[in-house]
PDB file of N, CA and C in Angstrom:
ATOM      1  N   MET A   1      33.178 158.028 102.560  1.00  0.00           N
ATOM      2  CA  MET A   1      31.962 158.037 101.745  1.00  0.00           C
ATOM      3  C   MET A   1      30.760 158.262 102.651  1.00  0.00           C
ATOM      4  N   ASN A   2      29.796 158.938 102.127  1.00  0.00           N
ATOM      5  CA  ASN A   2      28.639 159.236 102.944  1.00  0.00           C
ATOM      6  C   ASN A   2      27.520 158.232 102.740  1.00  0.00           C
ATOM      7  N   GLY A   3      27.710 157.252 101.878  1.00  0.00           N
ATOM      8  CA  GLY A   3      26.691 156.230 101.678  1.00  0.00           C
ATOM      9  C   GLY A   3      25.686 156.567 100.594  1.00  0.00           C
ATOM     10  N   SER A   4      25.735 157.790 100.058  1.00  0.00           N
ATOM     11  CA  SER A   4      24.768 158.162  99.035  1.00  0.00           C
ATOM     12  C   SER A   4      25.143 157.595  97.672  1.00  0.00           C
ATOM     13  N   CYS A   5      26.403 157.270  97.482  1.00  0.00           N
ATOM     14  CA  CYS A   5      26.869 156.713  96.210  1.00  0.00           C
ATOM     15  C   CYS A   5      27.449 155.333  96.486  1.00  0.00           C
ATOM     16  N   PRO A   6      26.699 154.272  96.243  1.00  0.00           N
ATOM     17  CA  PRO A   6      27.208 152.939  96.561  1.00  0.00           C
ATOM     18  C   PRO A   6      28.403 152.579  95.690  1.00  0.00           C
ATOM     19  N   ARG A   7      29.332 151.858  96.294  1.00  0.00           N
ATOM     20  CA  ARG A   7      30.484 151.383  95.542  1.00  0.00           C
ATOM     21  C   ARG A   7      30.033 150.198  94.705  1.00  0.00           C
ATOM     22  N   PRO A   8      30.649 150.006  93.530  1.00  0.00           N
ATOM     23  CA  PRO A   8      30.229 148.907  92.653  1.00  0.00           C
ATOM     24  C   PRO A   8      30.271 147.549  93.335  1.00  0.00           C
ATOM     25  N   TRP A   9      31.284 147.317  94.183  1.00  0.00           N
ATOM     26  CA  TRP A   9      31.369 145.998  94.809  1.00  0.00           C
ATOM     27  C   TRP A   9      30.276 145.798  95.855  1.00  0.00           C
ATOM     28  N   ASP A  10      29.759 146.885  96.428  1.00  0.00           N
ATOM     29  CA  ASP A  10      28.643 146.748  97.372  1.00  0.00           C
ATOM     30  C   ASP A  10      27.430 146.158  96.658  1.00  0.00           C
ATOM     31  N   ARG A  11      27.163 146.655  95.468  1.00  0.00           N
ATOM     32  CA  ARG A  11      26.006 146.155  94.717  1.00  0.00           C
ATOM     33  C   ARG A  11      26.199 144.710  94.309  1.00  0.00           C
ATOM     34  N   ARG A  12      27.408 144.368  93.840  1.00  0.00           N
ATOM     35  CA  ARG A  12      27.650 142.997  93.392  1.00  0.00           C
ATOM     36  C   ARG A  12      27.571 142.007  94.540  1.00  0.00           C
ATOM     37  N   LEU A  13      27.992 142.432  95.718  1.00  0.00           N
ATOM     38  CA  LEU A  13      27.951 141.543  96.873  1.00  0.00           C
ATOM     39  C   LEU A  13      26.583 141.535  97.539  1.00  0.00           C
ATOM     40  N   GLY A  14      25.666 142.372  97.067  1.00  0.00           N
ATOM     41  CA  GLY A  14      24.328 142.426  97.622  1.00  0.00           C
ATOM     42  C   GLY A  14      24.277 143.064  99.001  1.00  0.00           C
ATOM     43  N   LYS A  15      25.233 143.931  99.282  1.00  0.00           N
ATOM     44  CA  LYS A  15      25.269 144.596 100.581  1.00  0.00           C
ATOM     45  C   LYS A  15      24.803 146.035 100.425  1.00  0.00           C
ATOM     46  N   PRO A  16      24.196 146.563 101.453  1.00  0.00           N
ATOM     47  CA  PRO A  16      23.829 147.973 101.391  1.00  0.00           C
ATOM     48  C   PRO A  16      25.081 148.842 101.375  1.00  0.00           C
ATOM     49  N   PRO A  17      25.004 150.013 100.763  1.00  0.00           N
ATOM     50  CA  PRO A  17      26.161 150.899 100.704  1.00  0.00           C
ATOM     51  C   PRO A  17      26.715 151.193 102.083  1.00  0.00           C
ATOM     52  N   GLY A  18      28.034 151.180 102.173  1.00  0.00           N
ATOM     53  CA  GLY A  18      28.692 151.511 103.420  1.00  0.00           C
ATOM     54  C   GLY A  18      28.803 150.371 104.402  1.00  0.00           C
ATOM     55  N   SER A  19      28.344 149.171 104.060  1.00  0.00           N
ATOM     56  CA  SER A  19      28.387 148.072 105.021  1.00  0.00           C
ATOM     57  C   SER A  19      29.531 147.103 104.780  1.00  0.00           C
ATOM     58  N   SER A  20      30.402 147.368 103.811  1.00  0.00           N
ATOM     59  CA  SER A  20      31.523 146.470 103.534  1.00  0.00           C
ATOM     60  C   SER A  20      32.495 146.489 104.697  1.00  0.00           C
ATOM     61  N   SER A  21      32.937 145.323 105.079  1.00  0.00           N
ATOM     62  CA  SER A  21      33.951 145.257 106.124  1.00  0.00           C
ATOM     63  C   SER A  21      35.309 145.485 105.489  1.00  0.00           C
ATOM     64  N   SER A  22      36.292 145.760 106.326  1.00  0.00           N
ATOM     65  CA  SER A  22      37.630 145.986 105.788  1.00  0.00           C
ATOM     66  C   SER A  22      38.154 144.718 105.127  1.00  0.00           C
ATOM     67  N   ALA A  23      37.736 143.542 105.608  1.00  0.00           N
ATOM     68  CA  ALA A  23      38.152 142.281 104.985  1.00  0.00           C
ATOM     69  C   ALA A  23      37.595 142.185 103.570  1.00  0.00           C
ATOM     70  N   ASP A  24      36.341 142.625 103.365  1.00  0.00           N
ATOM     71  CA  ASP A  24      35.754 142.612 102.031  1.00  0.00           C
ATOM     72  C   ASP A  24      36.532 143.534 101.099  1.00  0.00           C
ATOM     73  N   VAL A  25      36.865 144.701 101.581  1.00  0.00           N
ATOM     74  CA  VAL A  25      37.589 145.675 100.775  1.00  0.00           C
ATOM     75  C   VAL A  25      38.982 145.126 100.453  1.00  0.00           C
ATOM     76  N   GLU A  26      39.647 144.520 101.443  1.00  0.00           N
ATOM     77  CA  GLU A  26      40.974 143.952 101.204  1.00  0.00           C
ATOM     78  C   GLU A  26      40.905 142.821 100.180  1.00  0.00           C
ATOM     79  N   THR A  27      39.892 141.985 100.274  1.00  0.00           N
ATOM     80  CA  THR A  27      39.726 140.888  99.324  1.00  0.00           C
ATOM     81  C   THR A  27      39.520 141.430  97.916  1.00  0.00           C
ATOM     82  N   LEU A  28      38.668 142.409  97.783  1.00  0.00           N
ATOM     83  CA  LEU A  28      38.410 142.994  96.472  1.00  0.00           C
ATOM     84  C   LEU A  28      39.637 143.716  95.928  1.00  0.00           C
ATOM     85  N   THR A  29      40.355 144.376  96.800  1.00  0.00           N
ATOM     86  CA  THR A  29      41.574 145.058  96.375  1.00  0.00           C
ATOM     87  C   THR A  29      42.582 144.042  95.847  1.00  0.00           C
ATOM     88  N   ARG A  30      42.723 142.908  96.538  1.00  0.00           N
ATOM     89  CA  ARG A  30      43.615 141.842  96.073  1.00  0.00           C
ATOM     90  C   ARG A  30      43.157 141.291  94.727  1.00  0.00           C
ATOM     91  N   ARG A  31      41.840 141.141  94.569  1.00  0.00           N
ATOM     92  CA  ARG A  31      41.305 140.606  93.312  1.00  0.00           C
ATOM     93  C   ARG A  31      41.592 141.544  92.152  1.00  0.00           C
ATOM     94  N   ILE A  32      41.809 142.812  92.448  1.00  0.00           N
ATOM     95  CA  ILE A  32      42.140 143.784  91.405  1.00  0.00           C
ATOM     96  C   ILE A  32      43.651 143.845  91.193  1.00  0.00           C
ATOM     97  N   THR A  33      44.403 143.941  92.287  1.00  0.00           N
ATOM     98  CA  THR A  33      45.840 144.171  92.155  1.00  0.00           C
ATOM     99  C   THR A  33      46.604 142.936  91.684  1.00  0.00           C
ATOM    100  N   GLU A  34      46.167 141.735  92.061  1.00  0.00           N
ATOM    101  CA  GLU A  34      46.878 140.535  91.620  1.00  0.00           C
ATOM    102  C   GLU A  34      46.832 140.376  90.104  1.00  0.00           C
ATOM    103  N   PRO A  35      45.673 140.502  89.459  1.00  0.00           N
ATOM    104  CA  PRO A  35      45.676 140.415  87.984  1.00  0.00           C
ATOM    105  C   PRO A  35      46.449 141.560  87.328  1.00  0.00           C
ATOM    106  N   GLU A  36      46.418 142.741  87.937  1.00  0.00           N
ATOM    107  CA  GLU A  36      47.193 143.852  87.390  1.00  0.00           C
ATOM    108  C   GLU A  36      48.673 143.515  87.406  1.00  0.00           C
ATOM    109  N   GLN A  37      49.156 142.921  88.508  1.00  0.00           N
ATOM    110  CA  GLN A  37      50.570 142.546  88.607  1.00  0.00           C
ATOM    111  C   GLN A  37      50.901 141.442  87.611  1.00  0.00           C
ATOM    112  N   GLN A  38      49.992 140.482  87.457  1.00  0.00           N
ATOM    113  CA  GLN A  38      50.208 139.421  86.469  1.00  0.00           C
ATOM    114  C   GLN A  38      50.320 140.012  85.072  1.00  0.00           C
ATOM    115  N   LEU A  39      49.486 140.991  84.770  1.00  0.00           N
ATOM    116  CA  LEU A  39      49.526 141.647  83.463  1.00  0.00           C
ATOM    117  C   LEU A  39      50.872 142.333  83.252  1.00  0.00           C
ATOM    118  N   LEU A  40      51.356 143.036  84.258  1.00  0.00           N
ATOM    119  CA  LEU A  40      52.659 143.693  84.147  1.00  0.00           C
ATOM    120  C   LEU A  40      53.773 142.674  83.940  1.00  0.00           C
ATOM    121  N   ASP A  41      53.715 141.565  84.677  1.00  0.00           N
ATOM    122  CA  ASP A  41      54.721 140.517  84.535  1.00  0.00           C
ATOM    123  C   ASP A  41      54.698 139.929  83.124  1.00  0.00           C
ATOM    124  N   LEU A  42      53.503 139.646  82.618  1.00  0.00           N
ATOM    125  CA  LEU A  42      53.380 139.076  81.279  1.00  0.00           C
ATOM    126  C   LEU A  42      53.835 140.048  80.199  1.00  0.00           C
ATOM    127  N   ARG A  43      53.565 141.326  80.398  1.00  0.00           N
ATOM    128  CA  ARG A  43      54.042 142.324  79.434  1.00  0.00           C
ATOM    129  C   ARG A  43      55.563 142.346  79.403  1.00  0.00           C
ATOM    130  N   GLY A  44      56.183 142.221  80.571  1.00  0.00           N
ATOM    131  CA  GLY A  44      57.649 142.173  80.634  1.00  0.00           C
ATOM    132  C   GLY A  44      58.194 140.952  79.917  1.00  0.00           C
ATOM    133  N   GLU A  45      57.561 139.800  80.145  1.00  0.00           N
ATOM    134  CA  GLU A  45      57.983 138.575  79.462  1.00  0.00           C
ATOM    135  C   GLU A  45      57.803 138.714  77.956  1.00  0.00           C
ATOM    136  N   PHE A  46      56.696 139.305  77.537  1.00  0.00           N
ATOM    137  CA  PHE A  46      56.438 139.501  76.121  1.00  0.00           C
ATOM    138  C   PHE A  46      57.508 140.392  75.495  1.00  0.00           C
ATOM    139  N   ALA A  47      57.855 141.467  76.164  1.00  0.00           N
ATOM    140  CA  ALA A  47      58.868 142.383  75.638  1.00  0.00           C
ATOM    141  C   ALA A  47      60.210 141.668  75.497  1.00  0.00           C
ATOM    142  N   GLU A  48      60.554 140.851  76.485  1.00  0.00           N
ATOM    143  CA  GLU A  48      61.815 140.108  76.439  1.00  0.00           C
ATOM    144  C   GLU A  48      61.810 139.113  75.273  1.00  0.00           C
ATOM    145  N   ARG A  49      60.716 138.403  75.099  1.00  0.00           N
ATOM    146  CA  ARG A  49      60.627 137.443  73.992  1.00  0.00           C
ATOM    147  C   ARG A  49      60.636 138.151  72.647  1.00  0.00           C
ATOM    148  N   ASP A  50      60.027 139.323  72.593  1.00  0.00           N
ATOM    149  CA  ASP A  50      60.014 140.100  71.359  1.00  0.00           C
ATOM    150  C   ASP A  50      61.436 140.518  70.992  1.00  0.00           C
ATOM    151  N   GLU A  51      62.216 140.924  71.996  1.00  0.00           N
ATOM    152  CA  GLU A  51      63.618 141.280  71.753  1.00  0.00           C
ATOM    153  C   GLU A  51      64.403 140.069  71.266  1.00  0.00           C
ATOM    154  N   ASP A  52      64.173 138.917  71.905  1.00  0.00           N
ATOM    155  CA  ASP A  52      64.861 137.689  71.494  1.00  0.00           C
ATOM    156  C   ASP A  52      64.504 137.315  70.058  1.00  0.00           C
ATOM    157  N   LEU A  53      63.247 137.447  69.715  1.00  0.00           N
ATOM    158  CA  LEU A  53      62.807 137.134  68.361  1.00  0.00           C
ATOM    159  C   LEU A  53      63.447 138.085  67.353  1.00  0.00           C
ATOM    160  N   GLY A  54      63.529 139.357  67.690  1.00  0.00           N
ATOM    161  CA  GLY A  54      64.175 140.326  66.807  1.00  0.00           C
ATOM    162  C   GLY A  54      65.641 139.982  66.595  1.00  0.00           C
ATOM    163  N   ALA A  55      66.335 139.580  67.660  1.00  0.00           N
ATOM    164  CA  ALA A  55      67.742 139.193  67.543  1.00  0.00           C
ATOM    165  C   ALA A  55      67.883 137.936  66.686  1.00  0.00           C
ATOM    166  N   ALA A  56      66.981 136.987  66.847  1.00  0.00           N
ATOM    167  CA  ALA A  56      67.021 135.765  66.041  1.00  0.00           C
ATOM    168  C   ALA A  56      66.780 136.083  64.566  1.00  0.00           C
ATOM    169  N   HIS A  57      65.848 136.971  64.286  1.00  0.00           N
ATOM    170  CA  HIS A  57      65.600 137.366  62.893  1.00  0.00           C
ATOM    171  C   HIS A  57      66.839 138.024  62.290  1.00  0.00           C
ATOM    172  N   ALA A  58      67.480 138.900  63.056  1.00  0.00           N
ATOM    173  CA  ALA A  58      68.671 139.580  62.561  1.00  0.00           C
ATOM    174  C   ALA A  58      69.786 138.569  62.280  1.00  0.00           C
ATOM    175  N   ALA A  59      69.974 137.620  63.186  1.00  0.00           N
ATOM    176  CA  ALA A  59      70.999 136.591  62.983  1.00  0.00           C
ATOM    177  C   ALA A  59      70.669 135.746  61.759  1.00  0.00           C
ATOM    178  N   ASN A  60      69.404 135.413  61.586  1.00  0.00           N
ATOM    179  CA  ASN A  60      68.984 134.615  60.439  1.00  0.00           C
ATOM    180  C   ASN A  60      69.244 135.368  59.130  1.00  0.00           C
ATOM    181  N   ARG A  61      68.905 136.651  59.108  1.00  0.00           N
ATOM    182  CA  ARG A  61      69.152 137.448  57.897  1.00  0.00           C
ATOM    183  C   ARG A  61      70.645 137.478  57.563  1.00  0.00           C
ATOM    184  N   GLU A  62      71.475 137.628  58.584  1.00  0.00           N
ATOM    185  CA  GLU A  62      72.925 137.662  58.373  1.00  0.00           C
ATOM    186  C   GLU A  62      73.427 136.318  57.838  1.00  0.00           C
ATOM    187  N   LEU A  63      72.953 135.231  58.393  1.00  0.00           N
ATOM    188  CA  LEU A  63      73.372 133.908  57.924  1.00  0.00           C
ATOM    189  C   LEU A  63      72.933 133.657  56.488  1.00  0.00           C
ATOM    190  N   VAL A  64      71.715 134.055  56.147  1.00  0.00           N
ATOM    191  CA  VAL A  64      71.217 133.882  54.774  1.00  0.00           C
ATOM    192  C   VAL A  64      72.046 134.740  53.819  1.00  0.00           C
ATOM    193  N   ALA A  65      72.375 135.955  54.238  1.00  0.00           N
ATOM    194  CA  ALA A  65      73.183 136.835  53.397  1.00  0.00           C
ATOM    195  C   ALA A  65      74.564 136.233  53.174  1.00  0.00           C
ATOM    196  N   GLN A  66      75.158 135.663  54.215  1.00  0.00           N
ATOM    197  CA  GLN A  66      76.475 135.032  54.079  1.00  0.00           C
ATOM    198  C   GLN A  66      76.386 133.802  53.160  1.00  0.00           C
ATOM    199  N   ALA A  67      75.333 133.041  53.278  1.00  0.00           N
ATOM    200  CA  ALA A  67      75.181 131.835  52.461  1.00  0.00           C
ATOM    201  C   ALA A  67      74.986 132.187  51.000  1.00  0.00           C
ATOM    202  N   ASN A  68      74.424 133.334  50.719  1.00  0.00           N
ATOM    203  CA  ASN A  68      74.153 133.746  49.334  1.00  0.00           C
ATOM    204  C   ASN A  68      75.336 134.435  48.672  1.00  0.00           C
ATOM    205  N   ARG A  69      76.421 134.644  49.388  1.00  0.00           N
ATOM    206  CA  ARG A  69      77.588 135.325  48.806  1.00  0.00           C
ATOM    207  C   ARG A  69      78.416 134.376  47.998  1.00  0.00           C
TER     208      ARG A  69
END
């Protein structure tokens, strides 16, 4: 970067453009990637629970159908 376009985190941290240390960039990168990974993990858990719920509904429908025969 040539410093003419400040990065958003430079403004939030109150630093002049181009003055972020690599530690600052690494910290900010972690603050972005960790929640992204948590989101992916939670989506996976949600999909698994959704499948389990669908299987439970199917089993319930079958049991109700058998009971009504």
